[in-house]
Amino acid sequence: MLPELCIIGYIFYTVAVFIIADLKIILVASALLFILMIILPYRKLKTGVVPIALFLSVTFLSNLLFNPGRILYKIGPLVITEEGMYMASVRALRVFLLIAGAKFLTIVTTLEDAINAMGRILSPLEKMGLPVKSFFDTMALSVKILPIISKKISEEYNVRIESSEKKGIRDKAAVVFRFLLPIFFESINNPESVLKESGKACPESGNNKSG
């Protein structure tokens, strides 16, 4: 499936999620997506369950407790209203639908392809003077670089900690600070060199394995 179609489909899906205000429809759609996320054998659908659950809980409670209306329950200073129950349910389920939709989007297209597709979709805005191409090129480059930087930091950290006699948390933080800033400055000032170094390292590691 073309990434452009996936992005456009997700945009229409997002608009539909916010237009529909019927709690029954939203509840049924959420239940169907939840079942699909459990049944389908895709690891991406099942990652991040704990932070998502916490975020949805905060969204639900913040809307449940701070909405005026017809009182259903009152426990000390806490008041639960009919309107608050409705708004909390609708908003929490909408957030869930958006997150679930984004997870399904990551299955049908990669993040890099999605970013490039968004750049192509919004390219007509270049005629209005908006730097669409440079913005999405930078975003795509950032997506490529972040895993490389993360791996580089992890490897450098292990080497520095093993060679250092300092074992305290403050000492370890100082060790990290010394090599972390140069890596970030290098990635910001010359991101292409980071990608080239990574490309050179891959064939070498492959040759070492084959030998």
Protein backbone atom coordinates (compact mmCIF):
# COMPACT_ATOMS: atom_id res chain seq x y z
CA MET A 1 0.00 0.00 0.00
CA LEU A 2 1.29 3.48 -0.89
CA PRO A 3 2.43 5.49 2.17
CA GLU A 4 0.50 8.51 0.84
CA LEU A 5 -2.75 6.52 0.93
CA CYS A 6 -1.97 5.34 4.45
CA ILE A 7 -1.36 8.91 5.66
CA ILE A 8 -4.49 10.27 3.96
CA GLY A 9 -6.51 7.37 5.35
CA TYR A 10 -5.24 8.07 8.86
CA ILE A 11 -6.11 11.77 8.50
CA PHE A 12 -9.70 10.88 7.53
CA TYR A 13 -9.77 8.37 10.38
CA THR A 14 -8.64 11.06 12.85
CA VAL A 15 -11.29 13.51 11.61
CA ALA A 16 -13.96 10.80 11.97
CA VAL A 17 -12.83 10.05 15.53
CA PHE A 18 -13.34 13.69 16.53
CA ILE A 19 -16.59 14.18 14.59
CA ILE A 20 -18.39 11.15 16.05
CA ALA A 21 -19.81 12.03 19.47
CA ASP A 22 -22.00 8.97 20.06
CA LEU A 23 -20.49 7.09 23.00
CA LYS A 24 -21.93 3.74 21.84
CA ILE A 25 -20.25 3.99 18.42
CA ILE A 26 -16.94 5.06 19.97
CA LEU A 27 -17.16 2.23 22.51
CA VAL A 28 -17.85 -0.41 19.84
CA ALA A 29 -15.01 0.89 17.62
CA SER A 30 -12.62 0.89 20.59
CA ALA A 31 -13.60 -2.66 21.55
CA LEU A 32 -13.06 -3.92 17.98
CA LEU A 33 -9.64 -2.28 17.72
CA PHE A 34 -8.65 -3.59 21.15
CA ILE A 35 -9.60 -7.14 20.12
CA LEU A 36 -7.63 -6.79 16.87
CA MET A 37 -4.58 -5.54 18.79
CA ILE A 38 -4.72 -8.64 20.99
CA ILE A 39 -5.43 -11.17 18.22
CA LEU A 40 -3.09 -9.96 15.46
CA PRO A 41 0.48 -11.32 15.84
CA TYR A 42 2.29 -7.99 15.52
CA ARG A 43 4.69 -7.00 18.29
CA LYS A 44 4.31 -3.29 17.49
CA LEU A 45 0.64 -3.44 18.48
CA LYS A 46 1.50 -4.71 21.95
CA THR A 47 4.40 -2.42 22.89
CA GLY A 48 4.02 0.51 25.28
CA VAL A 49 0.97 -0.93 27.07
CA VAL A 50 1.88 0.45 30.52
CA PRO A 51 2.55 4.11 29.54
CA ILE A 52 -0.53 4.11 27.28
CA ALA A 53 -2.69 2.73 30.10
CA LEU A 54 -1.33 5.36 32.52
CA PHE A 55 -1.94 8.17 30.02
CA LEU A 56 -5.51 6.99 29.34
CA SER A 57 -6.17 6.71 33.09
CA VAL A 58 -4.97 10.29 33.69
CA THR A 59 -7.07 11.52 30.75
CA PHE A 60 -10.16 9.73 32.09
CA LEU A 61 -9.77 10.87 35.71
CA SER A 62 -8.97 14.50 34.86
CA ASN A 63 -12.17 14.77 32.81
CA LEU A 64 -14.24 12.71 35.26
CA LEU A 65 -13.55 14.82 38.34
CA PHE A 66 -13.52 18.35 36.96
CA ASN A 67 -16.77 18.66 35.00
CA PRO A 68 -19.91 20.32 36.41
CA GLY A 69 -23.34 18.78 35.90
CA ARG A 70 -25.86 16.40 37.44
CA ILE A 71 -24.18 14.70 40.39
CA LEU A 72 -24.04 10.90 40.28
CA TYR A 73 -21.63 10.20 43.13
CA LYS A 74 -20.03 12.35 45.81
CA ILE A 75 -17.16 11.05 47.92
CA GLY A 76 -15.93 13.81 50.20
CA PRO A 77 -14.54 16.61 48.01
CA LEU A 78 -14.67 14.41 44.90
CA VAL A 79 -17.77 14.81 42.75
CA ILE A 80 -18.64 12.62 39.75
CA THR A 81 -21.25 14.06 37.41
CA GLU A 82 -23.16 12.54 34.50
CA GLU A 83 -21.56 15.02 32.10
CA GLY A 84 -18.13 14.29 33.55
CA MET A 85 -18.62 10.55 33.08
CA TYR A 86 -19.63 11.10 29.45
CA MET A 87 -16.78 13.50 28.65
CA ALA A 88 -14.20 11.31 30.40
CA SER A 89 -15.33 8.21 28.50
CA VAL A 90 -15.48 9.94 25.11
CA ARG A 91 -12.12 11.71 25.42
CA ALA A 92 -10.24 8.71 26.82
CA LEU A 93 -11.65 6.43 24.11
CA ARG A 94 -10.81 8.99 21.41
CA VAL A 95 -7.22 9.08 22.61
CA PHE A 96 -7.15 5.27 22.58
CA LEU A 97 -8.54 5.20 19.02
CA LEU A 98 -5.88 7.66 17.83
CA ILE A 99 -3.07 5.67 19.48
CA ALA A 100 -4.42 2.37 18.13
CA GLY A 101 -4.76 3.86 14.65
CA ALA A 102 -1.18 5.12 14.78
CA LYS A 103 0.01 1.64 15.81
CA PHE A 104 -1.79 0.04 12.87
CA LEU A 105 -0.23 2.72 10.62
CA THR A 106 3.26 1.63 11.73
CA ILE A 107 2.46 -1.90 10.54
CA VAL A 108 1.51 -0.95 6.98
CA THR A 109 4.29 1.63 6.52
CA THR A 110 7.63 2.53 8.11
CA LEU A 111 8.15 5.81 9.97
CA GLU A 112 10.63 7.02 7.35
CA ASP A 113 8.22 6.27 4.49
CA ALA A 114 5.39 7.99 6.38
CA ILE A 115 7.49 11.14 6.87
CA ASN A 116 8.50 11.22 3.20
CA ALA A 117 4.86 10.68 2.20
CA MET A 118 3.75 13.62 4.37
CA GLY A 119 6.39 15.74 2.69
CA ARG A 120 5.05 14.82 -0.75
CA ILE A 121 1.44 15.41 0.30
CA LEU A 122 2.24 18.88 1.68
CA SER A 123 4.68 19.80 -1.10
CA PRO A 124 2.16 22.23 -2.74
CA LEU A 125 2.64 24.47 0.31
CA GLU A 126 6.18 25.16 -0.98
CA LYS A 127 4.56 27.57 -3.45
CA MET A 128 3.33 29.63 -0.48
CA GLY A 129 6.90 29.96 0.80
CA LEU A 130 6.69 27.31 3.51
CA PRO A 131 9.90 25.22 3.81
CA VAL A 132 8.05 21.90 3.64
CA LYS A 133 10.79 19.93 1.85
CA SER A 134 13.62 21.03 4.15
CA PHE A 135 11.47 20.41 7.23
CA PHE A 136 10.55 16.83 6.29
CA ASP A 137 14.06 16.11 4.97
CA THR A 138 15.41 17.13 8.38
CA MET A 139 12.80 15.00 10.12
CA ALA A 140 13.61 11.96 7.96
CA LEU A 141 17.33 12.45 8.63
CA SER A 142 16.63 12.67 12.38
CA VAL A 143 14.73 9.38 12.26
CA LYS A 144 17.73 7.72 10.59
CA ILE A 145 20.25 9.23 12.99
CA LEU A 146 18.53 8.65 16.35
CA PRO A 147 19.06 4.85 16.46
CA ILE A 148 22.69 5.33 15.40
CA ILE A 149 23.30 7.93 18.12
CA SER A 150 21.59 5.72 20.70
CA LYS A 151 23.82 2.76 19.79
CA LYS A 152 26.92 4.96 19.75
CA ILE A 153 26.12 6.38 23.20
CA SER A 154 25.49 2.90 24.62
CA GLU A 155 28.78 1.52 23.24
CA GLU A 156 30.76 4.56 24.38
CA TYR A 157 29.17 4.44 27.83
CA ASN A 158 30.09 0.76 28.32
CA VAL A 159 33.69 1.40 27.25
CA ARG A 160 34.11 4.46 29.47
CA ILE A 161 32.51 2.86 32.54
CA GLU A 162 34.57 -0.34 32.20
CA SER A 163 37.81 1.63 31.87
CA SER A 164 36.91 4.02 34.69
CA GLU A 165 37.46 3.29 38.37
CA LYS A 166 34.65 5.62 39.38
CA LYS A 167 31.59 3.67 40.51
CA GLY A 168 29.31 6.29 42.15
CA ILE A 169 26.21 7.65 40.43
CA ARG A 170 27.65 11.19 40.34
CA ASP A 171 30.93 9.92 38.88
CA LYS A 172 29.09 7.90 36.23
CA ALA A 173 27.02 10.96 35.33
CA ALA A 174 30.23 12.98 34.91
CA VAL A 175 31.67 10.28 32.62
CA VAL A 176 28.50 10.30 30.51
CA PHE A 177 28.48 14.11 30.32
CA ARG A 178 32.05 14.20 28.95
CA PHE A 179 31.32 12.11 25.86
CA LEU A 180 27.60 12.84 25.42
CA LEU A 181 27.91 16.49 24.37
CA PRO A 182 30.53 15.88 21.63
CA ILE A 183 28.34 13.14 20.12
CA PHE A 184 25.29 15.41 20.05
CA PHE A 185 27.25 18.35 18.62
CA GLU A 186 28.67 16.09 15.91
CA SER A 187 25.21 14.78 14.99
CA ILE A 188 23.77 18.31 14.82
CA ASN A 189 26.63 19.95 12.92
CA ASN A 190 27.37 17.11 10.51
CA PRO A 191 24.62 14.45 10.52
CA GLU A 192 25.71 13.06 7.14
CA SER A 193 29.07 12.00 8.61
CA VAL A 194 27.29 10.00 11.31
CA LEU A 195 25.32 8.13 8.65
CA LYS A 196 28.49 7.51 6.60
CA GLU A 197 30.33 6.13 9.64
CA SER A 198 27.41 3.82 10.33
CA GLY A 199 27.39 2.66 6.71
CA LYS A 200 31.10 1.87 6.85
CA ALA A 201 30.73 -0.01 10.13
CA CYS A 202 27.99 -2.32 8.81
CA PRO A 203 30.04 -3.99 6.02
CA GLU A 204 33.00 -4.38 8.38
CA SER A 205 30.87 -6.16 10.98
CA GLY A 206 29.43 -8.36 8.24
CA ASN A 207 32.91 -9.31 7.03
CA ASN A 208 34.00 -10.13 10.57
CA LYS A 209 31.04 -12.47 11.00
CA SER A 210 31.64 -14.21 7.68
CA GLY A 211 35.32 -14.64 8.47
